[in-house]
Protein backbone atom coordinates (compact mmCIF):
# COMPACT_ATOMS: atom_id res chain seq x y z
CA MET A 1 32.73 1.85 -60.88
CA SER A 2 30.26 4.63 -60.39
CA VAL A 3 26.59 4.26 -59.56
CA ILE A 4 23.54 6.03 -61.02
CA MET A 5 21.05 7.10 -58.39
CA VAL A 6 17.39 7.64 -59.42
CA LEU A 7 15.17 9.29 -56.80
CA ARG A 8 11.45 9.31 -57.52
CA LEU A 9 9.15 11.70 -55.71
CA ASP A 10 5.34 11.88 -56.11
CA GLY A 11 4.55 15.64 -56.24
CA ASP A 12 4.09 18.65 -58.40
CA PRO A 13 6.97 19.32 -60.86
CA ALA A 14 5.78 22.88 -61.43
CA ALA A 15 5.87 23.70 -57.71
CA LEU A 16 9.46 22.40 -57.58
CA GLU A 17 10.37 24.60 -60.57
CA ARG A 18 8.88 27.59 -58.90
CA PHE A 19 10.72 26.89 -55.70
CA ALA A 20 13.98 26.44 -57.51
CA ALA A 21 13.54 29.71 -59.51
CA ALA A 22 12.85 31.53 -56.24
CA GLU A 23 15.85 30.00 -54.44
CA PRO A 24 18.75 29.76 -56.88
CA GLU A 25 21.39 30.22 -54.16
CA LEU A 26 19.90 27.32 -52.15
CA MET A 27 19.84 25.14 -55.30
CA ASP A 28 23.45 25.99 -56.13
CA GLY A 29 24.48 25.33 -52.47
CA ILE A 30 22.96 21.88 -52.59
CA ALA A 31 24.69 21.16 -55.86
CA GLU A 32 28.04 22.36 -54.53
CA ALA A 33 27.65 20.16 -51.42
CA GLY A 34 26.90 17.14 -53.67
CA LYS A 35 30.01 17.92 -55.82
CA ALA A 36 32.16 18.16 -52.61
CA LEU A 37 31.10 14.65 -51.67
CA GLY A 38 31.72 13.21 -55.11
CA CYS A 39 28.63 13.67 -57.27
CA THR A 40 29.64 14.02 -60.87
CA ARG A 41 26.28 14.40 -62.58
CA HIS A 42 22.95 15.79 -61.32
CA MET A 43 19.63 16.66 -62.99
CA PHE A 44 15.96 16.82 -62.40
CA ALA A 45 13.25 15.46 -64.74
CA ALA A 46 9.47 15.38 -64.48
CA GLY A 47 6.56 13.27 -65.49
CA ASN A 48 2.91 13.36 -64.72
CA GLY A 49 2.79 14.04 -61.00
CA GLU A 50 6.35 12.87 -60.48
CA VAL A 51 9.79 14.46 -60.03
CA ILE A 52 12.87 12.44 -60.74
CA VAL A 53 16.45 13.20 -59.66
CA ILE A 54 19.21 11.50 -61.60
CA ASP A 55 22.72 11.60 -60.11
CA GLU A 56 25.99 9.83 -60.72
CA TRP A 57 28.06 9.10 -57.57
CA PRO A 58 31.29 7.10 -57.00
CA ASP A 59 29.30 4.81 -54.73
CA GLU A 60 26.06 4.53 -52.81
CA ALA A 61 27.66 5.53 -49.57
CA GLY A 62 28.53 8.98 -50.98
CA PHE A 63 24.92 9.70 -51.87
CA HIS A 64 23.63 8.45 -48.48
CA GLN A 65 26.09 10.67 -46.72
CA PHE A 66 25.05 13.65 -48.78
CA PHE A 67 21.33 13.04 -48.36
CA ALA A 68 21.67 12.51 -44.53
CA THR A 69 23.66 15.70 -44.05
CA GLN A 70 21.77 18.11 -46.27
CA PRO A 71 18.64 19.44 -44.56
CA ASP A 72 17.90 21.63 -47.57
CA THR A 73 17.14 18.54 -49.71
CA HIS A 74 14.12 17.99 -47.43
CA ARG A 75 12.95 21.51 -48.30
CA LEU A 76 12.88 20.49 -51.99
CA VAL A 77 10.79 17.40 -51.11
CA GLU A 78 8.34 19.65 -49.26
CA ALA A 79 8.35 22.27 -51.96
CA ALA A 80 7.37 19.60 -54.53
CA GLY A 81 4.37 18.74 -52.35
CA ALA A 82 5.55 15.21 -51.90
CA THR A 83 2.78 12.79 -50.78
CA GLU A 84 5.18 9.93 -50.00
CA PRO A 85 8.86 9.66 -48.92
CA PRO A 86 11.35 9.68 -51.83
CA ARG A 87 12.16 6.34 -53.38
CA MET A 88 15.77 5.83 -54.32
CA THR A 89 17.16 3.14 -56.64
CA PHE A 90 20.85 2.63 -57.46
CA TYR A 91 22.16 1.17 -60.68
CA ARG A 92 25.65 0.09 -61.65
CA ARG A 93 26.92 2.11 -64.58
CA LEU A 94 27.88 -0.04 -67.53
CA GLU A 95 30.96 0.81 -69.59
CA THR A 96 29.96 0.24 -73.19
CA PRO A 97 30.97 1.70 -76.55
CA GLY A 98 28.90 4.50 -77.93
CA GLN A 99 28.20 6.37 -74.71
CA PHE A 100 27.97 10.12 -74.65
């Protein structure tokens, strides 16, 4: 059963968007590294002063391996102007009718 990982980061969503637009190869490289370790879904979202990353992984261990071995993810945290370390929460995916 897969897990949903939600990473919350206090920072500037616009600054992260500018960084991502200026570094598409870096962003694609990070995504490919995640796929290689089992990530099946990945997206960013933003709120007022917060960036959220939402991933789906086969298990927590896969995400932790990815995060520990990808120094470029730390560049994203810095680019967003993070004021605190990222906060990660894992959720068990529920299999229910009506999903899409």
